[in-house]
């Protein structure tokens, strides 16, 4: 054993130093990440405060700083969603669509990306950009969102005057509603309305 230790002492020492260095580096990295997340959170809260008191320009500046300084944190996407809502409330749908498009394409959280696609589709409906809206609404595999996507596809077709296509989408949404938070009664009301619009007119009695 003494002979083995004598022959391998240097390797053992190097391994110990490397192991301790890696552990120290890992702790330093985690500490830096925590500090960065706390700073991003504080900046995000400041941005929300600016929105609440109507300082839209300052809010947009802070959103840009979050995007620049805290890339890779969830606060980037949350800031973009908040700015999209602010732009809609300010009657600026084009800018709202830009923020939502960024979340839809870049979000690390797949669920957040789906939420952004739904919101973007609704903005596009308001702008009468129906084909663009449909491109955002290919039904996802996630069953929790499938019914909602079908419902909004129905809204697009209804706005386009394609009542039969709208009826099919609403029916598909209703068939999948058990896995989503949609109110089935509200969805049924939409289906009944569009079914009536799609029904052929009855000729008046002679």
C-alpha atoms as a PDB file:
ATOM      1  CA  UNK A   1       0.000   0.000   0.000  1.00  0.00           C
ATOM      2  CA  UNK A   2       2.843   2.383   0.910  1.00  0.00           C
ATOM      3  CA  UNK A   3       4.555   1.596  -2.344  1.00  0.00           C
ATOM      4  CA  UNK A   4       1.313   2.181  -4.289  1.00  0.00           C
ATOM      5  CA  UNK A   5       0.658   5.474  -2.487  1.00  0.00           C
ATOM      6  CA  UNK A   6       4.200   6.608  -3.139  1.00  0.00           C
ATOM      7  CA  UNK A   7       3.880   5.846  -6.826  1.00  0.00           C
ATOM      8  CA  UNK A   8       0.465   7.464  -7.199  1.00  0.00           C
ATOM      9  CA  UNK A   9       0.543  10.319  -4.689  1.00  0.00           C
ATOM     10  CA  UNK A  10       0.938  12.944  -7.357  1.00  0.00           C
ATOM     11  CA  UNK A  11      -2.057  11.647  -9.324  1.00  0.00           C
ATOM     12  CA  UNK A  12      -4.172  11.489  -6.181  1.00  0.00           C
ATOM     13  CA  UNK A  13      -3.220  15.032  -5.263  1.00  0.00           C
ATOM     14  CA  UNK A  14      -4.016  16.309  -8.745  1.00  0.00           C
ATOM     15  CA  UNK A  15      -7.362  14.505  -8.707  1.00  0.00           C
ATOM     16  CA  UNK A  16      -8.218  15.966  -5.303  1.00  0.00           C
ATOM     17  CA  UNK A  17      -7.333  19.481  -6.446  1.00  0.00           C
ATOM     18  CA  UNK A  18      -9.365  19.122  -9.637  1.00  0.00           C
ATOM     19  CA  UNK A  19     -12.346  17.728  -7.714  1.00  0.00           C
ATOM     20  CA  UNK A  20     -12.294  20.536  -5.186  1.00  0.00           C
ATOM     21  CA  UNK A  21     -11.876  23.078  -7.989  1.00  0.00           C
ATOM     22  CA  UNK A  22     -14.877  21.679  -9.840  1.00  0.00           C
ATOM     23  CA  UNK A  23     -16.974  21.737  -6.666  1.00  0.00           C
ATOM     24  CA  UNK A  24     -15.966  25.317  -5.937  1.00  0.00           C
ATOM     25  CA  UNK A  25     -16.663  26.332  -9.539  1.00  0.00           C
ATOM     26  CA  UNK A  26     -20.076  24.671  -9.451  1.00  0.00           C
ATOM     27  CA  UNK A  27     -21.012  26.511  -6.269  1.00  0.00           C
ATOM     28  CA  UNK A  28     -19.788  29.792  -7.727  1.00  0.00           C
ATOM     29  CA  UNK A  29     -21.815  29.194 -10.881  1.00  0.00           C
ATOM     30  CA  UNK A  30     -24.966  28.415  -8.910  1.00  0.00           C
ATOM     31  CA  UNK A  31     -24.467  31.501  -6.783  1.00  0.00           C
ATOM     32  CA  UNK A  32     -24.044  33.674  -9.870  1.00  0.00           C
ATOM     33  CA  UNK A  33     -27.162  32.199 -11.433  1.00  0.00           C
ATOM     34  CA  UNK A  34     -29.184  32.889  -8.301  1.00  0.00           C
ATOM     35  CA  UNK A  35     -27.964  36.487  -8.154  1.00  0.00           C
ATOM     36  CA  UNK A  36     -28.767  36.955 -11.830  1.00  0.00           C
ATOM     37  CA  UNK A  37     -32.272  35.542 -11.399  1.00  0.00           C
ATOM     38  CA  UNK A  38     -32.900  37.848  -8.427  1.00  0.00           C
ATOM     39  CA  UNK A  39     -31.711  40.874 -10.416  1.00  0.00           C
ATOM     40  CA  UNK A  40     -33.903  39.888 -13.387  1.00  0.00           C
ATOM     41  CA  UNK A  41     -36.881  39.467 -11.064  1.00  0.00           C
ATOM     42  CA  UNK A  42     -36.342  42.929  -9.569  1.00  0.00           C
ATOM     43  CA  UNK A  43     -36.095  44.458 -13.051  1.00  0.00           C
ATOM     44  CA  UNK A  44     -39.258  42.673 -14.127  1.00  0.00           C
ATOM     45  CA  UNK A  45     -41.156  43.934 -11.091  1.00  0.00           C
ATOM     46  CA  UNK A  46     -39.952  47.463 -11.854  1.00  0.00           C
ATOM     47  CA  UNK A  47     -41.248  47.069 -15.413  1.00  0.00           C
ATOM     48  CA  UNK A  48     -44.661  45.920 -14.136  1.00  0.00           C
ATOM     49  CA  UNK A  49     -44.732  48.915 -11.796  1.00  0.00           C
ATOM     50  CA  UNK A  50     -44.054  51.228 -14.730  1.00  0.00           C
ATOM     51  CA  UNK A  51     -46.944  49.640 -16.627  1.00  0.00           C
ATOM     52  CA  UNK A  52     -49.298  50.062 -13.664  1.00  0.00           C
ATOM     53  CA  UNK A  53     -48.651  53.786 -13.387  1.00  0.00           C
ATOM     54  CA  UNK A  54     -48.871  54.363 -17.135  1.00  0.00           C
ATOM     55  CA  UNK A  55     -45.165  54.916 -17.890  1.00  0.00           C
ATOM     56  CA  UNK A  56     -45.212  52.987 -21.159  1.00  0.00           C
ATOM     57  CA  UNK A  57     -41.916  54.342 -22.488  1.00  0.00           C
ATOM     58  CA  UNK A  58     -40.069  53.419 -19.283  1.00  0.00           C
ATOM     59  CA  UNK A  59     -41.683  49.974 -19.291  1.00  0.00           C
ATOM     60  CA  UNK A  60     -40.448  49.344 -22.822  1.00  0.00           C
ATOM     61  CA  UNK A  61     -36.952  50.486 -21.871  1.00  0.00           C
ATOM     62  CA  UNK A  62     -36.917  48.043 -18.956  1.00  0.00           C
ATOM     63  CA  UNK A  63     -38.218  45.224 -21.162  1.00  0.00           C
ATOM     64  CA  UNK A  64     -35.341  45.873 -23.552  1.00  0.00           C
ATOM     65  CA  UNK A  65     -32.840  45.809 -20.682  1.00  0.00           C
ATOM     66  CA  UNK A  66     -34.230  42.492 -19.438  1.00  0.00           C
ATOM     67  CA  UNK A  67     -33.895  41.031 -22.921  1.00  0.00           C
ATOM     68  CA  UNK A  68     -30.322  42.316 -23.250  1.00  0.00           C
ATOM     69  CA  UNK A  69     -28.966  41.633 -19.759  1.00  0.00           C
ATOM     70  CA  UNK A  70     -30.887  38.545 -18.681  1.00  0.00           C
ATOM     71  CA  UNK A  71     -31.194  36.440 -21.825  1.00  0.00           C
ATOM     72  CA  UNK A  72     -31.996  32.841 -21.007  1.00  0.00           C
ATOM     73  CA  UNK A  73     -34.096  33.657 -17.945  1.00  0.00           C
ATOM     74  CA  UNK A  74     -37.881  33.192 -17.953  1.00  0.00           C
ATOM     75  CA  UNK A  75     -38.293  36.914 -17.288  1.00  0.00           C
ATOM     76  CA  UNK A  76     -37.515  37.711 -20.926  1.00  0.00           C
ATOM     77  CA  UNK A  77     -40.642  35.904 -22.122  1.00  0.00           C
ATOM     78  CA  UNK A  78     -42.744  37.199 -19.239  1.00  0.00           C
ATOM     79  CA  UNK A  79     -41.670  40.756 -20.069  1.00  0.00           C
ATOM     80  CA  UNK A  80     -42.568  40.258 -23.726  1.00  0.00           C
ATOM     81  CA  UNK A  81     -46.033  38.962 -22.811  1.00  0.00           C
ATOM     82  CA  UNK A  82     -46.610  41.923 -20.502  1.00  0.00           C
ATOM     83  CA  UNK A  83     -45.507  44.348 -23.216  1.00  0.00           C
ATOM     84  CA  UNK A  84     -47.782  42.646 -25.761  1.00  0.00           C
ATOM     85  CA  UNK A  85     -50.738  43.226 -23.462  1.00  0.00           C
ATOM     86  CA  UNK A  86     -49.716  46.851 -22.946  1.00  0.00           C
ATOM     87  CA  UNK A  87     -49.471  47.397 -26.706  1.00  0.00           C
ATOM     88  CA  UNK A  88     -52.935  45.905 -27.235  1.00  0.00           C
ATOM     89  CA  UNK A  89     -54.394  48.150 -24.555  1.00  0.00           C
ATOM     90  CA  UNK A  90     -52.699  51.062 -26.333  1.00  0.00           C
ATOM     91  CA  UNK A  91     -54.329  50.051 -29.662  1.00  0.00           C
ATOM     92  CA  UNK A  92     -51.001  49.023 -31.189  1.00  0.00           C
ATOM     93  CA  UNK A  93     -51.736  45.493 -32.455  1.00  0.00           C
ATOM     94  CA  UNK A  94     -48.734  45.355 -34.802  1.00  0.00           C
ATOM     95  CA  UNK A  95     -46.329  45.880 -31.907  1.00  0.00           C
ATOM     96  CA  UNK A  96     -48.269  43.439 -29.743  1.00  0.00           C
ATOM     97  CA  UNK A  97     -47.982  40.848 -32.512  1.00  0.00           C
ATOM     98  CA  UNK A  98     -44.216  41.411 -32.669  1.00  0.00           C
ATOM     99  CA  UNK A  99     -43.770  40.670 -28.955  1.00  0.00           C
ATOM    100  CA  UNK A 100     -46.050  37.640 -29.107  1.00  0.00           C
ATOM    101  CA  UNK A 101     -44.249  36.313 -32.158  1.00  0.00           C
ATOM    102  CA  UNK A 102     -40.952  36.473 -30.271  1.00  0.00           C
ATOM    103  CA  UNK A 103     -42.366  34.397 -27.417  1.00  0.00           C
ATOM    104  CA  UNK A 104     -44.016  31.943 -29.806  1.00  0.00           C
ATOM    105  CA  UNK A 105     -40.742  31.297 -31.610  1.00  0.00           C
ATOM    106  CA  UNK A 106     -38.141  31.693 -28.840  1.00  0.00           C
ATOM    107  CA  UNK A 107     -39.713  30.609 -25.533  1.00  0.00           C
ATOM    108  CA  UNK A 108     -37.848  27.836 -23.729  1.00  0.00           C
ATOM    109  CA  UNK A 109     -41.111  26.737 -22.094  1.00  0.00           C
ATOM    110  CA  UNK A 110     -43.241  24.914 -24.705  1.00  0.00           C
ATOM    111  CA  UNK A 111     -46.450  25.746 -22.825  1.00  0.00           C
ATOM    112  CA  UNK A 112     -45.622  29.451 -22.849  1.00  0.00           C
ATOM    113  CA  UNK A 113     -44.938  29.273 -26.579  1.00  0.00           C
ATOM    114  CA  UNK A 114     -48.394  27.750 -27.136  1.00  0.00           C
ATOM    115  CA  UNK A 115     -50.047  30.477 -25.062  1.00  0.00           C
ATOM    116  CA  UNK A 116     -48.237  33.089 -27.152  1.00  0.00           C
ATOM    117  CA  UNK A 117     -49.416  31.435 -30.381  1.00  0.00           C
ATOM    118  CA  UNK A 118     -53.019  31.549 -29.205  1.00  0.00           C
ATOM    119  CA  UNK A 119     -52.774  35.211 -28.228  1.00  0.00           C
ATOM    120  CA  UNK A 120     -51.002  36.063 -31.462  1.00  0.00           C
ATOM    121  CA  UNK A 121     -53.742  34.349 -33.472  1.00  0.00           C
ATOM    122  CA  UNK A 122     -56.402  36.428 -31.708  1.00  0.00           C
ATOM    123  CA  UNK A 123     -54.479  39.627 -32.492  1.00  0.00           C
ATOM    124  CA  UNK A 124     -54.250  38.562 -36.142  1.00  0.00           C
ATOM    125  CA  UNK A 125     -58.004  37.921 -36.205  1.00  0.00           C
ATOM    126  CA  UNK A 126     -58.569  41.499 -35.043  1.00  0.00           C
ATOM    127  CA  UNK A 127     -56.352  42.657 -37.901  1.00  0.00           C
ATOM    128  CA  UNK A 128     -58.277  40.436 -40.344  1.00  0.00           C
ATOM    129  CA  UNK A 129     -55.068  38.538 -41.139  1.00  0.00           C
ATOM    130  CA  UNK A 130     -56.886  35.246 -41.183  1.00  0.00           C
ATOM    131  CA  UNK A 131     -54.412  33.098 -43.100  1.00  0.00           C
ATOM    132  CA  UNK A 132     -51.596  34.212 -40.818  1.00  0.00           C
ATOM    133  CA  UNK A 133     -53.758  33.362 -37.819  1.00  0.00           C
ATOM    134  CA  UNK A 134     -54.404  29.856 -39.142  1.00  0.00           C
ATOM    135  CA  UNK A 135     -50.667  29.304 -39.574  1.00  0.00           C
ATOM    136  CA  UNK A 136     -50.262  29.884 -35.845  1.00  0.00           C
ATOM    137  CA  UNK A 137     -52.987  27.411 -34.990  1.00  0.00           C
ATOM    138  CA  UNK A 138     -51.850  23.982 -36.136  1.00  0.00           C
ATOM    139  CA  UNK A 139     -53.277  21.843 -33.306  1.00  0.00           C
ATOM    140  CA  UNK A 140     -50.547  20.860 -30.812  1.00  0.00           C
ATOM    141  CA  UNK A 141     -49.944  17.375 -29.448  1.00  0.00           C
ATOM    142  CA  UNK A 142     -50.435  18.694 -25.916  1.00  0.00           C
ATOM    143  CA  UNK A 143     -54.035  17.702 -25.166  1.00  0.00           C
ATOM    144  CA  UNK A 144     -54.407  20.492 -22.599  1.00  0.00           C
ATOM    145  CA  UNK A 145     -54.140  23.022 -25.443  1.00  0.00           C
ATOM    146  CA  UNK A 146     -55.720  21.076 -28.308  1.00  0.00           C
ATOM    147  CA  UNK A 147     -59.299  22.143 -27.588  1.00  0.00           C
ATOM    148  CA  UNK A 148     -58.316  25.790 -27.200  1.00  0.00           C
ATOM    149  CA  UNK A 149     -56.509  25.738 -30.540  1.00  0.00           C
ATOM    150  CA  UNK A 150     -59.545  24.161 -32.205  1.00  0.00           C
ATOM    151  CA  UNK A 151     -61.799  26.798 -30.683  1.00  0.00           C
ATOM    152  CA  UNK A 152     -59.671  29.684 -31.984  1.00  0.00           C
ATOM    153  CA  UNK A 153     -59.436  28.026 -35.410  1.00  0.00           C
ATOM    154  CA  UNK A 154     -63.229  28.026 -35.352  1.00  0.00           C
ATOM    155  CA  UNK A 155     -63.175  31.735 -34.513  1.00  0.00           C
ATOM    156  CA  UNK A 156     -60.942  32.377 -37.533  1.00  0.00           C
ATOM    157  CA  UNK A 157     -63.202  30.481 -39.903  1.00  0.00           C
ATOM    158  CA  UNK A 158     -66.288  32.175 -38.473  1.00  0.00           C
ATOM    159  CA  UNK A 159     -64.693  35.587 -39.033  1.00  0.00           C
ATOM    160  CA  UNK A 160     -63.925  34.517 -42.609  1.00  0.00           C
ATOM    161  CA  UNK A 161     -67.562  33.565 -43.184  1.00  0.00           C
ATOM    162  CA  UNK A 162     -66.703  29.863 -43.515  1.00  0.00           C
ATOM    163  CA  UNK A 163     -69.438  28.640 -41.200  1.00  0.00           C
ATOM    164  CA  UNK A 164     -69.173  24.942 -41.976  1.00  0.00           C
ATOM    165  CA  UNK A 165     -65.423  24.904 -41.286  1.00  0.00           C
ATOM    166  CA  UNK A 166     -66.040  26.843 -38.081  1.00  0.00           C
ATOM    167  CA  UNK A 167     -68.683  24.324 -37.022  1.00  0.00           C
ATOM    168  CA  UNK A 168     -66.261  21.425 -37.523  1.00  0.00           C
ATOM    169  CA  UNK A 169     -63.578  23.115 -35.446  1.00  0.00           C
ATOM    170  CA  UNK A 170     -65.966  23.979 -32.619  1.00  0.00           C
ATOM    171  CA  UNK A 171     -67.239  20.390 -32.601  1.00  0.00           C
ATOM    172  CA  UNK A 172     -63.672  19.065 -32.480  1.00  0.00           C
ATOM    173  CA  UNK A 173     -62.935  21.426 -29.593  1.00  0.00           C
ATOM    174  CA  UNK A 174     -66.040  20.264 -27.757  1.00  0.00           C
ATOM    175  CA  UNK A 175     -64.968  16.636 -28.209  1.00  0.00           C
ATOM    176  CA  UNK A 176     -61.637  17.457 -26.529  1.00  0.00           C
ATOM    177  CA  UNK A 177     -62.885  19.887 -23.901  1.00  0.00           C
ATOM    178  CA  UNK A 178     -62.450  17.443 -21.002  1.00  0.00           C
ATOM    179  CA  UNK A 179     -58.683  18.008 -21.095  1.00  0.00           C
ATOM    180  CA  UNK A 180     -58.855  21.819 -21.178  1.00  0.00           C
ATOM    181  CA  UNK A 181     -60.127  24.687 -18.983  1.00  0.00           C
ATOM    182  CA  UNK A 182     -62.671  25.807 -21.620  1.00  0.00           C
ATOM    183  CA  UNK A 183     -66.243  26.291 -20.421  1.00  0.00           C
ATOM    184  CA  UNK A 184     -68.168  23.649 -22.416  1.00  0.00           C
ATOM    185  CA  UNK A 185     -71.410  25.641 -22.196  1.00  0.00           C
ATOM    186  CA  UNK A 186     -69.755  28.662 -23.818  1.00  0.00           C
ATOM    187  CA  UNK A 187     -68.259  26.465 -26.525  1.00  0.00           C
ATOM    188  CA  UNK A 188     -71.637  24.816 -27.121  1.00  0.00           C
ATOM    189  CA  UNK A 189     -73.200  28.257 -27.532  1.00  0.00           C
ATOM    190  CA  UNK A 190     -70.631  29.067 -30.222  1.00  0.00           C
ATOM    191  CA  UNK A 191     -71.355  25.773 -31.931  1.00  0.00           C
ATOM    192  CA  UNK A 192     -75.110  26.369 -31.864  1.00  0.00           C
ATOM    193  CA  UNK A 193     -74.689  29.863 -33.293  1.00  0.00           C
ATOM    194  CA  UNK A 194     -72.469  28.778 -36.157  1.00  0.00           C
ATOM    195  CA  UNK A 195     -74.590  25.710 -36.863  1.00  0.00           C
ATOM    196  CA  UNK A 196     -77.558  28.005 -37.313  1.00  0.00           C
ATOM    197  CA  UNK A 197     -75.561  30.221 -39.636  1.00  0.00           C
ATOM    198  CA  UNK A 198     -74.432  27.205 -41.662  1.00  0.00           C
ATOM    199  CA  UNK A 199     -77.908  25.705 -42.002  1.00  0.00           C
ATOM    200  CA  UNK A 200     -79.559  26.275 -45.396  1.00  0.00           C
ATOM    201  CA  UNK A 201     -82.432  28.711 -45.400  1.00  0.00           C
ATOM    202  CA  UNK A 202     -85.881  27.130 -45.556  1.00  0.00           C
ATOM    203  CA  UNK A 203     -88.058  28.314 -48.380  1.00  0.00           C
ATOM    204  CA  UNK A 204     -91.153  30.176 -47.182  1.00  0.00           C
ATOM    205  CA  UNK A 205     -94.416  28.248 -47.394  1.00  0.00           C
ATOM    206  CA  UNK A 206     -96.575  29.231 -50.423  1.00  0.00           C
END
